Structures are given as structure tokens and as C-alpha cells.
């Protein structure tokens, strides 16, 4: 009786192993095809999503990359542009002497001389960018009268002249992403 029971148990175990192997080989084929379809769908969705982006959304992406580059790469070892603070525990932002303003169409929005590392709270937010100190720092760094040149909007091309198509904006985004990685 024990021998019969052990034989039945072995037979059940063997059948279970064979059936599970058979099911696994069938199931492995289905997910591979489904995985390929899912990846293709994801790729086409990304292309379609990119095509639907507005100029404003492209500018927002560009702004993020430029600001990251200013704070974490170009001005990494410098202090706050307006107060000189170098405390590593302080959060820093990318400050603008002339910000994009309402609608975000200011020509100086992406001019690197208009963008510098600033203390997030004290100078940039509560100090409203500290315009007097910013102008002094601009004149010291770029030469006397530069702050006045920066004030004149006609000295700079319009955003559509800088970036005629969204492909131009995308190339600039890629350029700053590469700079951020270096």
C-alpha cells in the first residue's frame, strides 16, 4: 500500500513538473510578443506626444535645463551673484535680472548673461532678485554699462528669431542636457 501511494505521489509530481514546463514555454512566447507591441506603442506615443507639445511647453523644458546648468555646472563653485553667500546648506536658484514676465515672451529669457546663481529665499524670492546689487554685479563682471545694455530689449533677438521651430528648441535642450552631464 505504501509503495502504491509513493508511486502515485511520484506520478503526480512528474505530471506537475511536465505541465508547468509546458505552460511556461507557452506563456514565455506570449509575453515576448506583447512586450514588443508594448515597446512599439510606447515609442509611437512618445513621438505623438512630442508632436503635440506647444511652443510654451518646449520653452519650459529648455528653461529647466538652462537653470540646472547655471546653478549646478557653470556657477557651481561661485557664491550667490547678489550677496556672495557660499553656504552649502542654502538652496540656490537661477536668478534673472530681467525675468520672462507675464506670458514668458521676454527676449532675454535665455540669455546666459541674464542668468546667475542666487540664494533661493533671501535674494531671489524675498529680495525680488535684488536688482540694484544684480546691476552692480553685472557691471563688474561684464564691464561698465552692461546692465544698461541688458535693460534694452531691442539689443536681443526675439524668441522666434532665436528658435524658429520647435526642433531648434529641442536641439538647445539636448545641448544643455549634454552640458549638465559633463
N, C-alpha and C. Protein backbone atom coordinates (compact mmCIF):
# COMPACT_ATOMS: atom_id res chain seq x y z
N UNK A 1 0.82 -1.19 0.00
CA UNK A 1 0.00 0.00 0.00
C UNK A 1 0.87 1.26 0.00
N UNK A 2 1.93 1.24 0.76
CA UNK A 2 2.84 2.38 0.83
C UNK A 2 3.53 2.56 -0.52
N UNK A 3 3.89 1.45 -1.16
CA UNK A 3 4.56 1.53 -2.45
C UNK A 3 3.63 2.14 -3.49
N UNK A 4 2.36 1.77 -3.47
CA UNK A 4 1.38 2.32 -4.40
C UNK A 4 1.22 3.83 -4.14
N UNK A 5 1.15 4.21 -2.90
CA UNK A 5 0.99 5.62 -2.53
C UNK A 5 2.19 6.43 -3.01
N UNK A 6 3.40 5.92 -2.81
CA UNK A 6 4.62 6.61 -3.23
C UNK A 6 4.66 6.71 -4.76
N UNK A 7 4.25 5.63 -5.44
CA UNK A 7 4.22 5.64 -6.91
C UNK A 7 3.26 6.70 -7.43
N UNK A 8 2.10 6.79 -6.80
CA UNK A 8 1.10 7.80 -7.21
C UNK A 8 1.66 9.21 -6.95
N UNK A 9 2.29 9.39 -5.83
CA UNK A 9 2.88 10.68 -5.48
C UNK A 9 3.95 11.08 -6.49
N UNK A 10 4.82 10.14 -6.87
CA UNK A 10 5.85 10.41 -7.87
C UNK A 10 5.23 10.75 -9.23
N UNK A 11 4.18 10.01 -9.58
CA UNK A 11 3.49 10.27 -10.85
C UNK A 11 2.88 11.67 -10.86
N UNK A 12 2.26 12.06 -9.77
CA UNK A 12 1.65 13.41 -9.66
C UNK A 12 2.74 14.48 -9.74
N UNK A 13 3.85 14.26 -9.06
CA UNK A 13 4.95 15.21 -9.08
C UNK A 13 5.50 15.36 -10.50
N UNK A 14 5.70 14.23 -11.17
CA UNK A 14 6.21 14.24 -12.54
C UNK A 14 5.26 14.98 -13.48
N UNK A 15 3.96 14.70 -13.35
CA UNK A 15 2.96 15.38 -14.18
C UNK A 15 2.94 16.89 -13.91
N UNK A 16 3.08 17.25 -12.67
CA UNK A 16 3.10 18.67 -12.31
C UNK A 16 4.29 19.37 -12.95
N UNK A 17 5.45 18.75 -12.90
CA UNK A 17 6.66 19.33 -13.49
C UNK A 17 6.50 19.46 -15.00
N UNK A 18 6.03 18.42 -15.66
CA UNK A 18 5.86 18.43 -17.11
C UNK A 18 4.85 19.50 -17.52
N UNK A 19 3.73 19.55 -16.82
CA UNK A 19 2.71 20.54 -17.15
C UNK A 19 3.20 21.97 -16.91
N UNK A 20 3.92 22.18 -15.83
CA UNK A 20 4.42 23.53 -15.56
C UNK A 20 5.44 23.95 -16.60
N UNK A 21 6.31 23.03 -17.04
CA UNK A 21 7.26 23.35 -18.10
C UNK A 21 6.54 23.68 -19.41
N UNK A 22 5.53 22.90 -19.72
CA UNK A 22 4.75 23.14 -20.93
C UNK A 22 4.05 24.49 -20.89
N UNK A 23 3.46 24.82 -19.76
CA UNK A 23 2.76 26.11 -19.61
C UNK A 23 3.74 27.27 -19.67
N UNK A 24 4.91 27.09 -19.06
CA UNK A 24 5.90 28.17 -19.06
C UNK A 24 6.41 28.46 -20.47
N UNK A 25 6.62 27.40 -21.28
CA UNK A 25 7.08 27.66 -22.64
C UNK A 25 6.01 28.36 -23.46
N UNK A 26 4.76 28.03 -23.23
CA UNK A 26 3.68 28.72 -23.96
C UNK A 26 3.53 30.15 -23.47
N UNK A 27 3.62 30.37 -22.17
CA UNK A 27 3.46 31.71 -21.61
C UNK A 27 4.64 32.62 -21.95
N UNK A 28 5.84 32.03 -22.09
CA UNK A 28 7.00 32.85 -22.42
C UNK A 28 6.90 33.42 -23.82
N UNK A 29 6.26 32.72 -24.73
CA UNK A 29 6.10 33.23 -26.08
C UNK A 29 5.13 34.41 -26.13
N UNK A 30 4.07 34.32 -25.36
CA UNK A 30 3.07 35.40 -25.38
C UNK A 30 3.62 36.71 -24.83
N UNK A 31 4.28 36.71 -23.67
CA UNK A 31 4.78 37.99 -23.18
C UNK A 31 5.82 38.63 -24.09
N UNK A 32 6.60 37.82 -24.80
CA UNK A 32 7.60 38.43 -25.69
C UNK A 32 6.92 39.22 -26.80
N UNK A 33 5.89 38.65 -27.39
CA UNK A 33 5.15 39.37 -28.42
C UNK A 33 4.45 40.58 -27.84
N UNK A 34 3.86 40.40 -26.67
CA UNK A 34 3.18 41.51 -26.01
C UNK A 34 4.17 42.60 -25.60
N UNK A 35 5.36 42.18 -25.18
CA UNK A 35 6.39 43.14 -24.78
C UNK A 35 6.85 43.96 -25.98
N UNK A 36 7.01 43.32 -27.12
CA UNK A 36 7.41 44.03 -28.34
C UNK A 36 6.34 45.03 -28.74
N UNK A 37 5.07 44.61 -28.68
CA UNK A 37 3.97 45.52 -29.01
C UNK A 37 3.91 46.70 -28.05
N UNK A 38 4.12 46.40 -26.76
CA UNK A 38 4.07 47.46 -25.74
C UNK A 38 5.19 48.48 -25.97
N UNK A 39 6.39 47.99 -26.29
CA UNK A 39 7.50 48.91 -26.54
C UNK A 39 7.26 49.75 -27.79
N UNK A 40 6.72 49.14 -28.82
CA UNK A 40 6.42 49.88 -30.06
C UNK A 40 5.35 50.94 -29.79
N UNK A 41 4.34 50.57 -29.01
CA UNK A 41 3.27 51.52 -28.67
C UNK A 41 3.83 52.68 -27.85
N UNK A 42 4.70 52.36 -26.91
CA UNK A 42 5.30 53.39 -26.06
C UNK A 42 6.12 54.37 -26.90
N UNK A 43 6.85 53.83 -27.88
CA UNK A 43 7.66 54.68 -28.76
C UNK A 43 6.77 55.59 -29.62
N UNK A 44 5.71 55.02 -30.17
CA UNK A 44 4.82 55.84 -31.01
C UNK A 44 4.08 56.89 -30.17
N UNK A 45 3.74 56.54 -28.92
CA UNK A 45 3.10 57.51 -28.03
C UNK A 45 4.04 58.67 -27.73
N UNK A 46 5.33 58.37 -27.52
CA UNK A 46 6.31 59.42 -27.24
C UNK A 46 6.45 60.37 -28.43
N UNK A 47 6.47 59.81 -29.64
CA UNK A 47 6.58 60.64 -30.84
C UNK A 47 5.35 61.51 -30.99
N UNK A 48 4.17 60.92 -30.78
CA UNK A 48 2.93 61.67 -30.90
C UNK A 48 2.83 62.76 -29.83
N UNK A 49 3.25 62.43 -28.61
CA UNK A 49 3.22 63.40 -27.51
C UNK A 49 4.15 64.58 -27.80
N UNK A 50 5.34 64.27 -28.36
CA UNK A 50 6.29 65.32 -28.71
C UNK A 50 5.71 66.24 -29.78
N UNK A 51 5.00 65.66 -30.74
CA UNK A 51 4.42 66.45 -31.83
C UNK A 51 3.30 67.37 -31.33
N UNK A 52 2.66 67.00 -30.23
CA UNK A 52 1.56 67.80 -29.70
C UNK A 52 2.00 68.89 -28.73
N UNK A 53 3.29 68.92 -28.40
CA UNK A 53 3.77 69.92 -27.44
C UNK A 53 3.70 71.33 -28.03
N UNK A 54 3.28 72.27 -27.21
CA UNK A 54 3.22 73.67 -27.63
C UNK A 54 4.60 74.31 -27.48
N UNK A 55 4.74 75.47 -28.10
CA UNK A 55 5.99 76.23 -28.00
C UNK A 55 6.29 76.57 -26.54
N UNK A 56 5.25 76.90 -25.80
CA UNK A 56 5.41 77.22 -24.38
C UNK A 56 5.94 76.02 -23.59
N UNK A 57 5.47 74.82 -23.91
CA UNK A 57 5.96 73.62 -23.23
C UNK A 57 7.42 73.34 -23.58
N UNK A 58 7.80 73.60 -24.83
CA UNK A 58 9.20 73.45 -25.21
C UNK A 58 10.07 74.45 -24.45
N UNK A 59 9.60 75.69 -24.33
CA UNK A 59 10.36 76.72 -23.60
C UNK A 59 10.52 76.32 -22.14
N UNK A 60 9.49 75.73 -21.56
CA UNK A 60 9.56 75.30 -20.15
C UNK A 60 10.64 74.23 -19.99
N UNK A 61 10.70 73.28 -20.91
CA UNK A 61 11.74 72.24 -20.85
C UNK A 61 13.13 72.87 -20.99
N UNK A 62 13.26 73.80 -21.91
CA UNK A 62 14.54 74.47 -22.11
C UNK A 62 14.94 75.25 -20.87
N UNK A 63 13.98 75.96 -20.29
CA UNK A 63 14.25 76.74 -19.08
C UNK A 63 14.78 75.84 -17.97
N UNK A 64 14.17 74.67 -17.79
CA UNK A 64 14.60 73.74 -16.75
C UNK A 64 16.06 73.33 -16.96
N UNK A 65 16.42 73.00 -18.19
CA UNK A 65 17.78 72.55 -18.47
C UNK A 65 18.79 73.69 -18.31
N UNK A 66 18.46 74.88 -18.77
CA UNK A 66 19.38 76.01 -18.64
C UNK A 66 19.58 76.35 -17.17
N UNK A 67 18.50 76.39 -16.41
CA UNK A 67 18.61 76.73 -14.99
C UNK A 67 19.45 75.69 -14.25
N UNK A 68 19.25 74.42 -14.57
CA UNK A 68 20.04 73.36 -13.95
C UNK A 68 21.52 73.55 -14.28
N UNK A 69 21.81 73.90 -15.53
CA UNK A 69 23.19 74.10 -15.94
C UNK A 69 23.81 75.30 -15.22
N UNK A 70 23.06 76.40 -15.13
CA UNK A 70 23.58 77.61 -14.47
C UNK A 70 23.95 77.31 -13.02
N UNK A 71 23.03 76.71 -12.27
CA UNK A 71 23.22 76.51 -10.83
C UNK A 71 24.20 75.38 -10.53
N UNK A 72 24.12 74.27 -11.27
CA UNK A 72 24.89 73.08 -10.89
C UNK A 72 26.18 72.88 -11.68
N UNK A 73 26.37 73.61 -12.78
CA UNK A 73 27.59 73.43 -13.55
C UNK A 73 28.35 74.75 -13.67
N UNK A 74 27.77 75.73 -14.37
CA UNK A 74 28.52 76.97 -14.64
C UNK A 74 28.88 77.72 -13.37
N UNK A 75 27.91 77.95 -12.49
CA UNK A 75 28.14 78.73 -11.27
C UNK A 75 28.30 77.84 -10.04
N UNK A 76 28.62 76.59 -10.25
CA UNK A 76 28.69 75.61 -9.15
C UNK A 76 29.60 76.07 -8.01
N UNK A 77 30.78 76.54 -8.35
CA UNK A 77 31.76 76.91 -7.32
C UNK A 77 31.69 78.38 -6.93
N UNK A 78 30.72 79.10 -7.47
CA UNK A 78 30.56 80.52 -7.15
C UNK A 78 29.51 80.68 -6.06
N UNK A 79 29.52 81.83 -5.43
CA UNK A 79 28.50 82.15 -4.44
C UNK A 79 27.30 82.80 -5.10
N UNK A 80 26.39 83.26 -4.28
CA UNK A 80 25.21 83.97 -4.77
C UNK A 80 25.68 85.20 -5.54
N UNK A 81 25.07 85.46 -6.67
CA UNK A 81 25.51 86.56 -7.55
C UNK A 81 25.30 87.92 -6.90
N UNK A 82 24.29 88.05 -6.05
CA UNK A 82 23.98 89.37 -5.49
C UNK A 82 24.53 89.58 -4.09
N UNK A 83 24.59 88.54 -3.25
CA UNK A 83 25.08 88.75 -1.88
C UNK A 83 26.40 88.04 -1.62
N UNK A 84 26.81 87.11 -2.50
CA UNK A 84 28.09 86.43 -2.35
C UNK A 84 28.08 85.24 -1.40
N UNK A 85 26.93 84.90 -0.84
CA UNK A 85 26.84 83.80 0.12
C UNK A 85 27.25 82.49 -0.56
N UNK A 86 28.08 81.68 0.15
CA UNK A 86 28.54 80.40 -0.39
C UNK A 86 28.17 79.23 0.52
N UNK A 87 27.23 79.40 1.39
CA UNK A 87 26.82 78.37 2.35
C UNK A 87 26.24 77.16 1.62
N UNK A 88 26.84 75.96 1.77
CA UNK A 88 26.33 74.78 1.07
C UNK A 88 24.95 74.31 1.57
N UNK A 89 24.54 74.76 2.73
CA UNK A 89 23.23 74.34 3.24
C UNK A 89 22.09 75.19 2.68
N UNK A 90 22.44 76.27 1.96
CA UNK A 90 21.43 77.16 1.37
C UNK A 90 21.02 76.62 0.01
N UNK A 91 19.72 76.68 -0.29
CA UNK A 91 19.24 76.29 -1.62
C UNK A 91 19.43 77.47 -2.56
N UNK A 92 19.92 77.16 -3.76
CA UNK A 92 20.16 78.20 -4.75
C UNK A 92 19.24 78.02 -5.95
N UNK A 93 18.84 79.14 -6.54
CA UNK A 93 18.03 79.17 -7.75
C UNK A 93 18.83 79.81 -8.87
N UNK A 94 18.27 79.76 -10.04
CA UNK A 94 18.82 80.52 -11.16
C UNK A 94 18.06 81.84 -11.19
N UNK A 95 18.73 82.92 -10.83
CA UNK A 95 18.08 84.22 -10.80
C UNK A 95 18.22 84.94 -12.13
N UNK A 96 17.22 85.76 -12.45
CA UNK A 96 17.22 86.55 -13.68
C UNK A 96 17.25 88.02 -13.31
N UNK A 97 18.04 88.79 -14.02
CA UNK A 97 17.95 90.24 -13.83
C UNK A 97 16.66 90.74 -14.45
N UNK A 98 16.35 90.22 -15.63
CA UNK A 98 15.09 90.54 -16.29
C UNK A 98 14.37 89.22 -16.52
N UNK A 99 13.33 88.97 -15.76
CA UNK A 99 12.63 87.69 -15.84
C UNK A 99 11.70 87.65 -17.04
N UNK A 100 11.17 86.47 -17.33
CA UNK A 100 10.35 86.25 -18.52
C UNK A 100 9.07 87.07 -18.49
N UNK A 101 8.60 87.42 -17.34
CA UNK A 101 7.39 88.24 -17.24
C UNK A 101 6.13 87.49 -17.58
N UNK A 102 5.06 88.20 -17.61
CA UNK A 102 3.77 87.60 -17.90
C UNK A 102 3.72 87.15 -19.36
N UNK A 103 3.42 85.91 -19.58
CA UNK A 103 3.40 85.37 -20.93
C UNK A 103 4.71 84.73 -21.34
N UNK A 104 5.80 85.03 -20.63
CA UNK A 104 7.08 84.37 -20.85
C UNK A 104 7.76 84.71 -22.16
N UNK A 105 7.41 85.82 -22.79
CA UNK A 105 7.98 86.11 -24.10
C UNK A 105 9.16 87.05 -24.10
N UNK A 106 9.74 87.35 -22.95
CA UNK A 106 10.87 88.28 -22.90
C UNK A 106 12.05 87.71 -23.68
N UNK A 107 12.64 88.54 -24.51
CA UNK A 107 13.74 88.12 -25.38
C UNK A 107 14.97 87.70 -24.58
N UNK A 108 15.12 88.23 -23.39
CA UNK A 108 16.31 87.97 -22.58
C UNK A 108 16.16 86.73 -21.71
N UNK A 109 15.08 86.01 -21.90
CA UNK A 109 14.76 84.85 -21.06
C UNK A 109 15.87 83.79 -21.04
N UNK A 110 16.51 83.55 -22.18
CA UNK A 110 17.52 82.50 -22.27
C UNK A 110 18.93 83.04 -22.53
N UNK A 111 19.13 84.34 -22.32
CA UNK A 111 20.46 84.93 -22.48
C UNK A 111 21.26 84.62 -21.22
N UNK A 112 22.39 83.94 -21.39
CA UNK A 112 23.15 83.45 -20.24
C UNK A 112 23.67 84.57 -19.34
N UNK A 113 23.94 85.75 -19.91
CA UNK A 113 24.40 86.87 -19.09
C UNK A 113 23.30 87.41 -18.18
N UNK A 114 22.07 87.04 -18.46
CA UNK A 114 20.92 87.47 -17.66
C UNK A 114 20.61 86.46 -16.56
N UNK A 115 21.31 85.34 -16.54
CA UNK A 115 21.02 84.25 -15.61
C UNK A 115 22.23 83.97 -14.72
N UNK A 116 22.00 83.96 -13.41
CA UNK A 116 23.08 83.67 -12.46
C UNK A 116 22.51 82.98 -11.23
N UNK A 117 23.39 82.31 -10.53
CA UNK A 117 23.03 81.60 -9.30
C UNK A 117 22.73 82.61 -8.19
N UNK A 118 21.56 82.42 -7.53
CA UNK A 118 21.17 83.30 -6.43
C UNK A 118 20.61 82.48 -5.28
N UNK A 119 20.72 83.01 -4.07
CA UNK A 119 20.08 82.39 -2.91
C UNK A 119 18.59 82.29 -3.20
N UNK A 120 18.04 81.14 -2.98
CA UNK A 120 16.64 80.91 -3.33
C UNK A 120 15.69 81.83 -2.57
N UNK A 121 15.85 81.88 -1.26
CA UNK A 121 14.88 82.61 -0.44
C UNK A 121 15.28 84.07 -0.26
N UNK A 122 16.46 84.32 0.30
CA UNK A 122 16.84 85.69 0.67
C UNK A 122 16.92 86.65 -0.51
N UNK A 123 17.65 86.27 -1.54
CA UNK A 123 17.87 87.20 -2.64
C UNK A 123 16.82 87.08 -3.75
N UNK A 124 16.54 85.86 -4.18
CA UNK A 124 15.68 85.69 -5.34
C UNK A 124 14.20 85.90 -5.02
N UNK A 125 13.72 85.34 -3.92
CA UNK A 125 12.28 85.44 -3.62
C UNK A 125 11.96 86.67 -2.77
N UNK A 126 12.51 86.73 -1.56
CA UNK A 126 12.19 87.85 -0.67
C UNK A 126 12.82 89.16 -1.10
N UNK A 127 13.97 89.08 -1.76
CA UNK A 127 14.65 90.28 -2.21
C UNK A 127 14.26 90.68 -3.62
N UNK A 128 13.29 89.98 -4.22
CA UNK A 128 12.82 90.25 -5.59
C UNK A 128 13.96 90.28 -6.61
N UNK A 129 14.96 89.43 -6.39
CA UNK A 129 16.07 89.36 -7.32
C UNK A 129 17.18 90.35 -7.04
N UNK A 130 16.97 91.23 -6.04
CA UNK A 130 17.96 92.24 -5.65
C UNK A 130 18.49 92.99 -6.89
N UNK A 131 17.63 93.75 -7.58
CA UNK A 131 18.01 94.37 -8.86
C UNK A 131 19.18 95.33 -8.79
N UNK A 132 19.31 96.10 -7.73
CA UNK A 132 20.42 97.07 -7.64
C UNK A 132 21.75 96.32 -7.54
N UNK A 133 21.78 95.34 -6.64
CA UNK A 133 23.00 94.54 -6.47
C UNK A 133 23.31 93.74 -7.74
N UNK A 134 22.27 93.25 -8.38
CA UNK A 134 22.44 92.47 -9.62
C UNK A 134 23.08 93.34 -10.69
N UNK A 135 22.58 94.59 -10.84
CA UNK A 135 23.15 95.51 -11.84
C UNK A 135 24.62 95.81 -11.55
N UNK A 136 24.95 96.00 -10.26
CA UNK A 136 26.35 96.25 -9.90
C UNK A 136 27.22 95.05 -10.25
N UNK A 137 26.74 93.86 -9.95
CA UNK A 137 27.50 92.64 -10.25
C UNK A 137 27.66 92.45 -11.76
N UNK A 138 26.62 92.78 -12.53
CA UNK A 138 26.71 92.69 -14.00
C UNK A 138 27.79 93.63 -14.54
N UNK A 139 27.80 94.87 -14.03
CA UNK A 139 28.78 95.84 -14.50
C UNK A 139 30.20 95.43 -14.11
N UNK A 140 30.34 94.81 -12.94
CA UNK A 140 31.67 94.34 -12.52
C UNK A 140 32.13 93.18 -13.40
N UNK A 141 31.24 92.23 -13.65
CA UNK A 141 31.63 91.04 -14.41
C UNK A 141 31.77 91.28 -15.90
N UNK A 142 30.85 92.03 -16.50
CA UNK A 142 30.83 92.17 -17.96
C UNK A 142 31.28 93.55 -18.47
N UNK A 143 31.59 94.43 -17.57
CA UNK A 143 32.05 95.76 -17.97
C UNK A 143 31.02 96.84 -17.69
N UNK A 144 31.50 98.04 -17.48
CA UNK A 144 30.62 99.17 -17.15
C UNK A 144 29.59 99.38 -18.26
N UNK A 145 28.37 99.59 -17.86
CA UNK A 145 27.30 99.85 -18.81
C UNK A 145 26.58 98.60 -19.30
N UNK A 146 27.05 97.42 -18.91
CA UNK A 146 26.41 96.20 -19.40
C UNK A 146 24.98 96.07 -18.87
N UNK A 147 24.76 96.48 -17.63
CA UNK A 147 23.42 96.38 -17.05
C UNK A 147 22.43 97.23 -17.86
N UNK A 148 22.89 98.40 -18.32
CA UNK A 148 22.03 99.25 -19.14
C UNK A 148 21.78 98.61 -20.51
N UNK A 149 22.80 97.98 -21.07
CA UNK A 149 22.63 97.29 -22.35
C UNK A 149 21.62 96.16 -22.21
N UNK A 150 21.68 95.44 -21.08
CA UNK A 150 20.76 94.33 -20.84
C UNK A 150 19.32 94.82 -20.68
N UNK A 151 19.16 96.04 -20.17
CA UNK A 151 17.81 96.59 -19.99
C UNK A 151 17.10 96.83 -21.32
N UNK A 152 17.86 97.16 -22.36
CA UNK A 152 17.28 97.48 -23.66
C UNK A 152 16.93 96.20 -24.40
N UNK A 153 15.66 95.93 -24.49
CA UNK A 153 15.18 94.68 -25.07
C UNK A 153 15.51 94.56 -26.56
N UNK A 154 15.68 95.69 -27.24
CA UNK A 154 15.96 95.69 -28.67
C UNK A 154 17.36 95.18 -29.02
N UNK A 155 18.22 95.04 -28.01
CA UNK A 155 19.57 94.53 -28.24
C UNK A 155 19.60 93.01 -28.45
N UNK A 156 18.46 92.36 -28.28
CA UNK A 156 18.42 90.90 -28.33
C UNK A 156 17.37 90.42 -29.32
N UNK A 157 17.63 89.29 -29.99
CA UNK A 157 16.65 88.76 -30.95
C UNK A 157 15.41 88.24 -30.23
N UNK A 158 14.29 88.21 -30.92
CA UNK A 158 13.07 87.65 -30.34
C UNK A 158 13.24 86.14 -30.20
N UNK A 159 12.37 85.53 -29.40
CA UNK A 159 12.45 84.09 -29.19
C UNK A 159 12.22 83.33 -30.50
N UNK A 160 11.34 83.84 -31.35
CA UNK A 160 11.10 83.18 -32.64
C UNK A 160 12.30 83.33 -33.57
N UNK A 161 13.06 84.40 -33.42
CA UNK A 161 14.29 84.54 -34.20
C UNK A 161 15.37 83.60 -33.67
N UNK A 162 15.42 83.46 -32.34
CA UNK A 162 16.39 82.54 -31.74
C UNK A 162 16.07 81.09 -32.07
N UNK A 163 14.79 80.74 -31.97
CA UNK A 163 14.33 79.37 -32.17
C UNK A 163 13.15 79.37 -33.15
N UNK A 164 13.42 79.36 -34.46
CA UNK A 164 12.33 79.42 -35.44
C UNK A 164 11.35 78.25 -35.35
N UNK A 165 11.84 77.06 -35.04
CA UNK A 165 10.95 75.89 -34.96
C UNK A 165 11.16 75.18 -33.63
N UNK A 166 10.26 74.26 -33.33
CA UNK A 166 10.41 73.51 -32.08
C UNK A 166 11.63 72.59 -32.15
N UNK A 167 12.08 72.24 -33.34
CA UNK A 167 13.28 71.42 -33.49
C UNK A 167 14.51 72.18 -33.00
N UNK A 168 14.54 73.49 -33.23
CA UNK A 168 15.64 74.31 -32.75
C UNK A 168 15.66 74.35 -31.22
N UNK A 169 14.48 74.44 -30.63
CA UNK A 169 14.39 74.44 -29.17
C UNK A 169 14.86 73.09 -28.64
N UNK A 170 14.43 72.02 -29.31
CA UNK A 170 14.81 70.67 -28.89
C UNK A 170 16.32 70.47 -28.97
N UNK A 171 16.96 70.99 -30.01
CA UNK A 171 18.41 70.89 -30.13
C UNK A 171 19.11 71.63 -28.99
N UNK A 172 18.57 72.77 -28.62
CA UNK A 172 19.14 73.54 -27.50
C UNK A 172 18.96 72.78 -26.19
N UNK A 173 17.82 72.13 -26.01
CA UNK A 173 17.57 71.30 -24.82
C UNK A 173 18.60 70.18 -24.76
N UNK A 174 18.84 69.53 -25.88
CA UNK A 174 19.81 68.44 -25.94
C UNK A 174 21.21 68.96 -25.61
N UNK A 175 21.55 70.13 -26.14
CA UNK A 175 22.87 70.72 -25.86
C UNK A 175 23.07 70.95 -24.37
N UNK A 176 22.06 71.52 -23.70
CA UNK A 176 22.19 71.79 -22.27
C UNK A 176 22.16 70.50 -21.44
N UNK A 177 21.43 69.50 -21.89
CA UNK A 177 21.45 68.20 -21.20
C UNK A 177 22.85 67.60 -21.24
N UNK A 178 23.51 67.71 -22.39
CA UNK A 178 24.88 67.21 -22.51
C UNK A 178 25.83 68.02 -21.63
N UNK A 179 25.64 69.33 -21.57
CA UNK A 179 26.48 70.16 -20.70
C UNK A 179 26.25 69.80 -19.24
N UNK A 180 25.00 69.47 -18.88
CA UNK A 180 24.70 69.11 -17.49
C UNK A 180 25.35 67.78 -17.10
N UNK A 181 25.55 66.90 -18.06
CA UNK A 181 26.16 65.60 -17.77
C UNK A 181 27.67 65.69 -17.64
N UNK A 182 28.26 66.71 -18.24
CA UNK A 182 29.73 66.81 -18.20
C UNK A 182 30.22 67.37 -16.90
